[in-house]
Amino acid sequence: MNLRQKILVLSVLPLVLAILAITALVTSQSTQLARASIATFERNLLEAKESELLNLTNMAVSAIADIYEAADADDEAAKSRVQAILSALDYGPDGYFFAYDYDGVNIVHPRQAFRQGQNWLHLTDPDGNRVIYELIERAKEGGGLHQYKWEKPSTGQVADKLSFAVGLDKWRWMLGTGVYLDDVFAQTAAAEADLRSHIDTTFIIVAAITVPIVFAVFLTSFLITLRERRLADSKLKELAQRVVDTQEEERARIARELHDGISQTMVAARYMLDLAATKVRTGAGDTAEVIERGRQGLNTAIREVRRISHDLRPGMLDDLGLTAALEALTDSFAERTGVTVELKSVAFKNMILPEARTALYRVAQEALTNIERHANATRVRVVITSAGNGPQMLIEDNGQGFAHLPAKRSRGLGLRNMQERMEHFGGSLEVRTSASGTTLRARLPKSTYVTSKPDPVPA
């Protein structure tokens, strides 16, 4: 992936992830809430069924209570009357009462007459549930509910059934009735299907909203990136041209200094030496004076060479440190321009990285050059401090600033170079200008220290 594609991905991906996360969260919460509601609905239906079974069982017990209480354990006539009453208690195609003795023999079953007189104690449903045995156990415990699978008379299909059983202990009978739960499960399944339908609808709505948004963000990011790229290309071309122009200006300046300064001085020294040689041959008496003028010319040329070399790369910066190099720079500036310069600094000789020292020196050099060319200042103040978060340099002047300059000149290559030097180390450059002067503040991070920062020592 190229840079533009990475930018587009980084622009769109967080939005897509946020939308997906929000959608998933909302869907999850909605699903949990709906399922809790469905579970509550199902539980309420089952509780209603349980209450219905209890009422039906109480009704059947009340119907046979007089006969059962008046009979003894072996009263076959009373048992026959009770069988008839239970068989006649019918409440719909699937509602009936059944009775088994505690040994599992069927006594009453209005819907399945073939079971009467047979022992069904070990009968199991499709799930392996011992139906009659469990119902008898509930009856012996004083009455209770039991769920199992049983054939539904109206359809002939096996369905879930919930029964309530009570015991007639004197006769050792289990009396019970039950309701089928397929309608409860059908309503629950319908609710779950409705839930899934709502979830699908939610996803469609979210997709219908988010897809255009993501596309709009993608298109906007693409257009912004394209515009920024064109602008960056334009600025890069302009910067490259400025670099070339600056190089040519610097070469022309050095060429002028070599030609107008050193070259002329060397030519004059050569003439002095030629003149001295002539005077030596002729025996003139002022030969020593001519040689001295030639020597002075050579000394002047040597000083010019040192000055140019110092401007290109001050050796003092590497030998004596930043403070000494700045002292030499400000002294030369003050001597050359007549501007009063105040320098306050701490000893930075071995505190910060060599590259960082060079960056601060070049910023100061460029700032003084701008002051000399544009500020018309009479006083300059340079302060170097060693703060806890990194070295800082402050340069102030009382000149006219550069707000009056054209935009291209006020924010030219010099300021860009200074800013790039600071940003290379993760630092910053702040420039404030007005009609009463300009303030430049360069900051470098703590990482530019060579080791742990010692206590600052005044320069």
Protein backbone atom coordinates (compact mmCIF):
# COMPACT_ATOMS: atom_id res chain seq x y z
CA MET A 1 0.00 0.00 0.00
CA ASN A 2 1.24 3.45 -0.88
CA LEU A 3 0.95 6.44 1.40
CA ARG A 4 -2.29 7.67 -0.09
CA GLN A 5 -3.97 4.27 0.29
CA LYS A 6 -2.77 4.04 3.89
CA ILE A 7 -4.22 7.48 4.63
CA LEU A 8 -7.55 6.49 3.10
CA VAL A 9 -7.63 3.25 5.08
CA LEU A 10 -6.76 5.05 8.31
CA SER A 11 -9.50 7.58 7.59
CA VAL A 12 -12.27 5.10 6.82
CA LEU A 13 -11.32 2.09 8.97
CA PRO A 14 -11.96 3.72 12.39
CA LEU A 15 -15.40 4.86 11.24
CA VAL A 16 -16.27 1.39 9.92
CA LEU A 17 -15.04 -0.27 13.10
CA ALA A 18 -16.98 2.19 15.26
CA ILE A 19 -20.17 1.60 13.27
CA LEU A 20 -19.72 -2.18 13.46
CA ALA A 21 -19.03 -2.01 17.19
CA ILE A 22 -22.09 0.17 17.83
CA THR A 23 -24.26 -2.04 15.63
CA ALA A 24 -23.04 -5.19 17.35
CA LEU A 25 -23.59 -3.66 20.78
CA VAL A 26 -27.08 -2.42 19.97
CA THR A 27 -28.01 -5.73 18.35
CA SER A 28 -26.61 -7.72 21.27
CA GLN A 29 -28.45 -5.62 23.83
CA SER A 30 -31.68 -5.78 21.83
CA THR A 31 -31.34 -9.54 21.41
CA GLN A 32 -30.69 -10.09 25.11
CA LEU A 33 -33.64 -7.89 26.05
CA ALA A 34 -35.95 -9.61 23.58
CA ARG A 35 -34.85 -13.08 24.69
CA ALA A 36 -35.37 -12.12 28.31
CA SER A 37 -38.85 -10.91 27.39
CA ILE A 38 -39.57 -14.14 25.52
CA ALA A 39 -38.31 -16.20 28.46
CA THR A 40 -40.54 -14.20 30.81
CA PHE A 41 -43.48 -14.67 28.43
CA GLU A 42 -42.87 -18.43 28.27
CA ARG A 43 -42.49 -18.64 32.04
CA ASN A 44 -45.78 -16.77 32.54
CA LEU A 45 -47.56 -19.13 30.15
CA LEU A 46 -46.18 -22.15 32.01
CA GLU A 47 -47.20 -20.67 35.34
CA ALA A 48 -50.70 -20.14 33.94
CA LYS A 49 -50.74 -23.77 32.82
CA GLU A 50 -49.59 -24.90 36.26
CA SER A 51 -52.35 -22.89 37.93
CA GLU A 52 -54.86 -24.37 35.50
CA LEU A 53 -53.68 -27.91 36.31
CA LEU A 54 -53.91 -27.28 40.05
CA ASN A 55 -57.48 -25.97 39.69
CA LEU A 56 -58.50 -28.94 37.51
CA THR A 57 -56.98 -31.42 39.94
CA ASN A 58 -58.74 -29.76 42.89
CA MET A 59 -61.98 -29.92 40.92
CA ALA A 60 -61.56 -33.67 40.31
CA VAL A 61 -60.65 -34.34 43.95
CA SER A 62 -63.71 -32.36 45.06
CA ALA A 63 -65.90 -34.37 42.70
CA ILE A 64 -64.90 -37.69 44.26
CA ALA A 65 -64.24 -36.49 47.81
CA ASP A 66 -67.55 -37.64 49.33
CA ILE A 67 -67.28 -41.12 47.87
CA TYR A 68 -63.57 -41.47 48.66
CA GLU A 69 -63.91 -40.33 52.26
CA ALA A 70 -66.88 -42.60 52.98
CA ALA A 71 -65.28 -45.71 51.48
CA ASP A 72 -62.70 -48.01 53.01
CA ALA A 73 -59.56 -49.39 51.35
CA ASP A 74 -61.31 -52.41 49.80
CA ASP A 75 -64.62 -50.84 48.74
CA GLU A 76 -64.76 -51.94 45.10
CA ALA A 77 -68.12 -50.31 44.52
CA ALA A 78 -66.80 -46.92 45.58
CA LYS A 79 -63.77 -47.40 43.35
CA SER A 80 -66.05 -48.18 40.39
CA ARG A 81 -68.12 -45.05 41.01
CA VAL A 82 -64.94 -42.95 41.21
CA GLN A 83 -63.66 -44.48 37.93
CA ALA A 84 -66.90 -43.53 36.24
CA ILE A 85 -66.80 -39.97 37.54
CA LEU A 86 -63.14 -39.48 36.45
CA SER A 87 -63.83 -40.91 33.00
CA ALA A 88 -66.73 -38.48 32.57
CA LEU A 89 -64.70 -35.43 33.59
CA ASP A 90 -63.87 -34.22 30.08
CA TYR A 91 -62.71 -30.69 29.19
CA GLY A 92 -61.98 -30.58 25.49
CA PRO A 93 -60.46 -32.97 22.96
CA ASP A 94 -57.13 -33.11 24.77
CA GLY A 95 -58.29 -32.59 28.38
CA TYR A 96 -58.93 -35.66 30.53
CA PHE A 97 -58.09 -37.27 33.90
CA PHE A 98 -56.13 -40.48 34.40
CA ALA A 99 -55.47 -42.77 37.36
CA TYR A 100 -52.94 -45.51 38.11
CA ASP A 101 -52.35 -47.55 41.20
CA TYR A 102 -48.97 -47.27 42.90
CA ASP A 103 -47.80 -50.44 41.15
CA GLY A 104 -48.28 -48.81 37.73
CA VAL A 105 -51.52 -50.50 36.64
CA ASN A 106 -53.85 -48.15 34.72
CA ILE A 107 -57.27 -47.62 36.30
CA VAL A 108 -58.70 -44.68 34.29
CA HIS A 109 -57.73 -43.38 30.82
CA PRO A 110 -60.66 -42.02 28.76
CA ARG A 111 -58.60 -41.44 25.59
CA GLN A 112 -56.58 -44.69 25.53
CA ALA A 113 -58.83 -47.51 26.74
CA PHE A 114 -56.26 -50.12 25.79
CA ARG A 115 -54.15 -49.09 28.73
CA GLN A 116 -56.73 -50.04 31.37
CA GLY A 117 -55.75 -53.01 33.49
CA GLN A 118 -52.17 -53.02 32.13
CA ASN A 119 -49.02 -52.25 34.12
CA TRP A 120 -47.17 -49.26 32.64
CA LEU A 121 -44.69 -48.62 35.44
CA HIS A 122 -41.69 -48.96 33.14
CA LEU A 123 -43.17 -46.99 30.21
CA THR A 124 -40.70 -44.41 28.80
CA ASP A 125 -41.20 -41.48 26.42
CA PRO A 126 -38.90 -40.72 23.42
CA ASP A 127 -36.51 -38.92 25.77
CA GLY A 128 -36.14 -41.97 28.03
CA ASN A 129 -38.34 -40.45 30.73
CA ARG A 130 -40.14 -43.08 32.96
CA VAL A 131 -43.47 -41.29 32.75
CA ILE A 132 -45.80 -43.36 35.01
CA TYR A 133 -43.07 -44.04 37.58
CA GLU A 134 -42.28 -40.32 37.91
CA LEU A 135 -45.97 -39.36 38.19
CA ILE A 136 -46.48 -41.96 40.95
CA GLU A 137 -43.43 -40.57 42.76
CA ARG A 138 -44.90 -37.03 42.59
CA ALA A 139 -48.18 -38.36 44.00
CA LYS A 140 -46.43 -40.16 46.88
CA GLU A 141 -44.61 -36.90 47.70
CA GLY A 142 -47.98 -35.19 48.27
CA GLY A 143 -48.55 -33.92 44.75
CA GLY A 144 -46.39 -32.29 42.09
CA LEU A 145 -45.72 -31.44 38.45
CA HIS A 146 -43.92 -33.52 35.86
CA GLN A 147 -43.14 -32.74 32.19
CA TYR A 148 -42.79 -35.45 29.56
CA LYS A 149 -43.75 -36.37 26.00
CA TRP A 150 -47.11 -38.02 25.28
CA GLU A 151 -49.37 -38.65 22.33
CA LYS A 152 -51.82 -35.80 21.76
CA PRO A 153 -55.32 -37.19 21.10
CA SER A 154 -56.44 -34.43 18.72
CA THR A 155 -53.47 -34.85 16.36
CA GLY A 156 -52.04 -38.28 17.13
CA GLN A 157 -48.59 -36.68 17.35
CA VAL A 158 -46.21 -36.87 20.30
CA ALA A 159 -45.97 -33.52 22.07
CA ASP A 160 -44.65 -32.05 25.30
CA LYS A 161 -47.11 -32.42 28.19
CA LEU A 162 -47.17 -31.03 31.72
CA SER A 163 -49.13 -33.05 34.30
CA PHE A 164 -50.04 -32.63 37.95
CA ALA A 165 -50.45 -35.78 40.05
CA VAL A 166 -51.89 -36.29 43.56
CA GLY A 167 -52.17 -39.43 45.63
CA LEU A 168 -55.24 -41.22 46.97
CA ASP A 169 -53.18 -43.03 49.58
CA LYS A 170 -56.03 -45.05 51.07
CA TRP A 171 -56.58 -46.79 47.75
CA ARG A 172 -52.91 -46.46 46.69
CA TRP A 173 -53.99 -44.54 43.59
CA MET A 174 -52.30 -41.75 41.62
CA LEU A 175 -54.79 -39.26 40.17
CA GLY A 176 -53.64 -36.75 37.56
CA THR A 177 -54.38 -34.58 34.57
CA GLY A 178 -52.24 -32.65 32.12
CA VAL A 179 -52.06 -29.99 29.44
CA TYR A 180 -50.05 -30.05 26.23
CA LEU A 181 -47.38 -27.40 25.78
CA ASP A 182 -47.09 -27.26 22.00
CA ASP A 183 -49.15 -24.09 21.86
CA VAL A 184 -46.81 -22.47 24.41
CA PHE A 185 -43.75 -23.47 22.41
CA ALA A 186 -45.44 -22.37 19.19
CA GLN A 187 -46.01 -18.88 20.61
CA THR A 188 -42.41 -18.78 21.86
CA ALA A 189 -41.10 -19.87 18.45
CA ALA A 190 -43.23 -17.20 16.78
CA ALA A 191 -41.78 -14.59 19.13
CA GLU A 192 -38.23 -15.75 18.37
CA ALA A 193 -38.95 -15.67 14.64
CA ASP A 194 -40.27 -12.14 15.04
CA LEU A 195 -37.09 -11.28 16.95
CA ARG A 196 -34.89 -12.60 14.16
CA SER A 197 -36.95 -10.65 11.65
CA HIS A 198 -36.47 -7.45 13.66
CA ILE A 199 -32.72 -8.11 13.92
CA ASP A 200 -32.47 -8.61 10.16
CA THR A 201 -34.45 -5.43 9.60
CA THR A 202 -32.13 -3.57 11.98
CA PHE A 203 -29.08 -4.77 10.05
CA ILE A 204 -30.65 -3.66 6.76
CA ILE A 205 -31.45 -0.22 8.19
CA VAL A 206 -27.95 0.16 9.65
CA ALA A 207 -26.41 -0.91 6.35
CA ALA A 208 -28.64 1.51 4.43
CA ILE A 209 -27.46 4.34 6.68
CA THR A 210 -23.80 3.46 7.16
CA VAL A 211 -22.85 2.45 3.61
CA PRO A 212 -23.60 5.92 2.14
CA ILE A 213 -21.88 7.54 5.13
CA VAL A 214 -18.77 5.40 4.71
CA PHE A 215 -18.78 6.06 0.98
CA ALA A 216 -19.12 9.81 1.61
CA VAL A 217 -16.27 9.74 4.13
CA PHE A 218 -14.16 7.69 1.73
CA LEU A 219 -14.85 10.09 -1.14
CA THR A 220 -14.19 13.13 1.07
CA SER A 221 -10.94 11.63 2.33
CA PHE A 222 -9.92 10.83 -1.23
CA LEU A 223 -10.60 14.37 -2.43
CA ILE A 224 -8.83 15.91 0.59
CA THR A 225 -5.86 13.59 0.11
CA LEU A 226 -5.71 14.39 -3.60
CA ARG A 227 -5.85 18.11 -2.87
CA GLU A 228 -3.21 17.85 -0.14
CA ARG A 229 -0.99 15.79 -2.40
CA ARG A 230 -1.20 18.36 -5.17
CA LEU A 231 -0.53 21.13 -2.67
CA ALA A 232 2.41 19.17 -1.21
CA ASP A 233 3.79 18.56 -4.70
CA SER A 234 3.50 22.25 -5.45
CA LYS A 235 5.21 23.22 -2.19
CA LEU A 236 7.88 20.60 -2.77
CA LYS A 237 8.62 21.98 -6.21
CA GLU A 238 8.72 25.50 -4.81
CA LEU A 239 11.00 24.38 -1.98
CA ALA A 240 13.29 22.54 -4.37
CA GLN A 241 13.53 25.64 -6.53
CA ARG A 242 14.25 27.76 -3.47
CA VAL A 243 16.98 25.34 -2.42
CA VAL A 244 18.54 25.59 -5.87
CA ASP A 245 18.25 29.38 -5.81
CA THR A 246 19.76 29.53 -2.33
CA GLN A 247 22.63 27.29 -3.36
CA GLU A 248 23.30 29.51 -6.35
CA GLU A 249 23.12 32.61 -4.15
CA GLU A 250 25.53 31.06 -1.66
CA ARG A 251 27.93 30.04 -4.41
CA ALA A 252 27.73 33.52 -5.90
CA ARG A 253 28.36 35.07 -2.45
CA ILE A 254 31.39 32.86 -1.82
CA ALA A 255 32.66 33.54 -5.34
CA ARG A 256 32.32 37.31 -4.77
CA GLU A 257 34.10 37.10 -1.44
CA LEU A 258 36.91 35.03 -2.97
CA HIS A 259 37.20 37.34 -5.96
CA ASP A 260 36.63 40.69 -4.31
CA GLY A 261 38.32 39.90 -1.04
CA ILE A 262 40.87 37.11 -0.96
CA SER A 263 41.76 37.25 -4.65
CA GLN A 264 42.39 41.00 -4.58
CA THR A 265 44.34 40.74 -1.35
CA MET A 266 46.49 37.90 -2.74
CA VAL A 267 47.14 39.87 -5.96
CA ALA A 268 48.19 42.89 -3.90
CA ALA A 269 50.48 40.68 -1.75
CA ARG A 270 52.01 39.25 -4.95
CA TYR A 271 52.68 42.76 -6.26
CA MET A 272 54.31 43.64 -2.94
CA LEU A 273 56.54 40.56 -3.17
CA ASP A 274 57.44 41.37 -6.82
CA LEU A 275 58.24 44.93 -5.81
CA ALA A 276 60.35 43.68 -2.90
CA ALA A 277 62.24 41.35 -5.26
CA THR A 278 62.93 44.26 -7.61
CA LYS A 279 64.13 46.43 -4.76
CA VAL A 280 66.40 43.64 -3.54
CA ARG A 281 67.98 43.39 -7.01
CA THR A 282 68.43 47.16 -7.24
CA GLY A 283 69.64 47.51 -3.66
CA ALA A 284 66.86 49.92 -2.60
CA GLY A 285 66.69 50.73 1.09
CA ASP A 286 62.88 50.38 1.74
CA THR A 287 62.69 46.66 0.87
CA ALA A 288 61.73 45.65 4.43
CA GLU A 289 58.76 48.04 4.39
CA VAL A 290 57.46 46.56 1.13
CA ILE A 291 57.85 43.01 2.49
CA GLU A 292 55.90 44.02 5.65
CA ARG A 293 53.01 45.34 3.55
CA GLY A 294 53.01 42.08 1.61
CA ARG A 295 52.97 40.11 4.89
CA GLN A 296 50.02 42.16 6.15
CA GLY A 297 48.17 41.42 2.94
CA LEU A 298 48.75 37.70 3.40
CA ASN A 299 47.51 37.94 7.01
CA THR A 300 44.39 39.68 5.73
CA ALA A 301 43.82 36.89 3.21
CA ILE A 302 44.30 34.27 5.91
CA ARG A 303 41.71 35.98 8.13
CA GLU A 304 39.24 36.10 5.23
CA VAL A 305 39.74 32.38 4.60
CA ARG A 306 39.13 31.66 8.28
CA ARG A 307 36.03 33.82 8.30
CA ILE A 308 34.53 32.08 5.28
CA SER A 309 35.42 28.68 6.74
CA HIS A 310 33.86 29.67 10.07
CA ASP A 311 30.65 30.70 8.31
CA LEU A 312 30.48 27.37 6.51
CA ARG A 313 31.26 25.22 9.59
CA PRO A 314 32.57 26.76 12.80
CA GLY A 315 35.27 24.53 14.25
CA MET A 316 34.72 26.18 17.62
CA LEU A 317 31.31 24.45 17.78
CA ASP A 318 32.99 21.05 17.85
CA ASP A 319 36.03 22.05 19.90
CA LEU A 320 34.60 24.35 22.60
CA GLY A 321 30.87 23.73 22.45
CA LEU A 322 27.69 25.63 21.66
CA THR A 323 28.17 28.51 24.08
CA ALA A 324 31.62 29.42 22.77
CA ALA A 325 30.44 29.18 19.16
CA LEU A 326 27.47 31.45 19.90
CA GLU A 327 29.75 33.95 21.63
CA ALA A 328 31.92 34.09 18.53
CA LEU A 329 28.85 34.36 16.31
CA THR A 330 27.27 37.20 18.30
CA ASP A 331 30.57 39.05 18.68
CA SER A 332 31.10 38.92 14.92
CA PHE A 333 27.51 40.04 14.36
CA ALA A 334 27.86 42.96 16.79
CA GLU A 335 31.19 44.03 15.26
CA ARG A 336 29.83 43.82 11.75
CA THR A 337 26.46 45.52 12.32
CA GLY A 338 26.99 47.72 15.36
CA VAL A 339 23.92 46.12 17.02
CA THR A 340 24.17 45.52 20.76
CA VAL A 341 23.93 41.77 21.48
CA GLU A 342 23.29 40.27 24.93
CA LEU A 343 24.04 36.54 25.26
CA LYS A 344 23.03 34.45 28.25
CA SER A 345 23.74 30.74 28.09
CA VAL A 346 24.55 27.64 30.12
CA ALA A 347 27.51 25.42 29.34
CA PHE A 348 26.36 22.99 26.64
CA LYS A 349 29.71 21.51 25.63
CA ASN A 350 28.93 17.88 26.38
CA MET A 351 25.27 18.01 27.34
CA ILE A 352 23.45 17.58 24.03
CA LEU A 353 24.02 15.63 20.85
CA PRO A 354 26.38 17.15 18.27
CA GLU A 355 23.62 17.26 15.65
CA ALA A 356 21.36 19.13 18.08
CA ARG A 357 24.14 21.64 18.84
CA THR A 358 24.56 22.24 15.14
CA ALA A 359 20.80 22.72 14.70
CA LEU A 360 20.62 25.34 17.46
CA TYR A 361 23.68 27.12 16.08
CA ARG A 362 22.22 27.22 12.55
CA VAL A 363 18.92 28.56 13.89
CA ALA A 364 20.77 31.34 15.73
CA GLN A 365 22.90 32.05 12.63
CA GLU A 366 19.83 32.27 10.39
CA ALA A 367 17.95 34.42 12.91
CA LEU A 368 20.84 36.91 13.17
CA THR A 369 21.10 37.02 9.38
CA ASN A 370 17.37 37.87 9.14
CA ILE A 371 17.78 40.55 11.82
CA GLU A 372 20.69 42.08 9.91
CA ARG A 373 18.80 42.08 6.60
CA HIS A 374 15.28 43.07 7.62
CA ALA A 375 14.84 44.11 11.25
CA ASN A 376 16.73 47.43 11.54
CA ALA A 377 17.18 46.51 15.20
CA THR A 378 19.50 48.20 17.70
CA ARG A 379 19.42 45.50 20.36
CA VAL A 380 19.36 41.69 20.25
CA ARG A 381 19.01 39.30 23.17
CA VAL A 382 19.95 35.58 22.94
CA VAL A 383 19.15 33.29 25.88
CA ILE A 384 20.01 29.58 25.98
CA THR A 385 18.54 27.54 28.85
CA SER A 386 18.62 23.91 29.87
CA ALA A 387 15.02 23.18 30.92
CA GLY A 388 13.82 19.89 32.37
CA ASN A 389 12.07 18.96 29.14
CA GLY A 390 14.98 19.85 26.82
CA PRO A 391 17.24 22.73 25.73
CA GLN A 392 15.63 25.99 24.61
CA MET A 393 16.86 29.07 22.78
CA LEU A 394 15.21 32.49 22.82
CA ILE A 395 16.20 35.27 20.37
CA GLU A 396 14.59 38.70 20.72
CA ASP A 397 15.14 41.96 18.86
CA ASN A 398 13.60 45.42 18.99
CA GLY A 399 13.38 45.82 15.24
CA GLN A 400 10.44 46.42 12.94
CA GLY A 401 9.59 42.72 12.53
CA PHE A 402 8.68 41.21 9.22
CA ALA A 403 4.91 41.61 9.22
CA HIS A 404 5.37 44.39 6.65
CA LEU A 405 7.14 42.01 4.25
CA PRO A 406 5.28 40.13 1.51
CA ALA A 407 3.95 36.73 2.58
CA LYS A 408 6.46 34.78 0.51
CA ARG A 409 9.38 36.67 1.97
CA SER A 410 8.09 36.70 5.56
CA ARG A 411 7.69 32.92 5.53
CA GLY A 412 10.59 32.13 3.26
CA LEU A 413 13.17 29.41 3.10
CA GLY A 414 15.08 30.60 6.17
CA LEU A 415 12.17 30.10 8.56
CA ARG A 416 11.30 26.80 6.92
CA ASN A 417 14.86 25.59 7.35
CA MET A 418 14.84 26.56 11.02
CA GLN A 419 11.50 24.85 11.59
CA GLU A 420 12.60 21.68 9.80
CA ARG A 421 15.81 21.55 11.86
CA MET A 422 13.76 21.60 15.08
CA GLU A 423 11.12 19.15 13.84
CA HIS A 424 13.86 16.72 12.79
CA PHE A 425 14.57 16.15 16.49
CA GLY A 426 10.92 16.29 17.55
CA GLY A 427 11.22 19.91 18.70
CA SER A 428 9.37 23.06 17.73
CA LEU A 429 9.96 26.60 16.50
CA GLU A 430 7.71 29.49 17.56
CA VAL A 431 8.00 32.93 15.93
CA ARG A 432 6.09 36.02 17.02
CA THR A 433 6.57 39.32 15.22
CA SER A 434 5.14 42.79 15.53
CA ALA A 435 6.09 46.37 14.75
CA SER A 436 8.02 46.53 18.06
CA GLY A 437 10.18 43.46 17.47
CA THR A 438 10.40 39.75 16.85
CA THR A 439 10.67 36.84 19.28
CA LEU A 440 11.92 33.43 18.16
CA ARG A 441 11.78 30.44 20.52
CA ALA A 442 13.39 27.13 19.51
CA ARG A 443 12.75 24.03 21.65
CA LEU A 444 14.39 20.60 21.53
CA PRO A 445 13.13 17.52 23.39
CA LYS A 446 14.83 15.89 26.35
CA SER A 447 16.00 13.06 24.09
CA THR A 448 18.65 15.37 22.60
CA TYR A 449 20.64 15.22 25.84
CA VAL A 450 23.64 12.89 25.59
CA THR A 451 23.12 11.56 29.14
CA SER A 452 21.05 12.56 32.12
CA LYS A 453 21.06 16.34 32.27
CA PRO A 454 23.49 17.77 34.87
CA ASP A 455 22.80 20.94 36.76
CA PRO A 456 23.13 23.96 34.45
CA VAL A 457 26.40 25.88 34.83
CA PRO A 458 26.30 29.57 33.86
CA ALA A 459 28.42 30.28 30.80
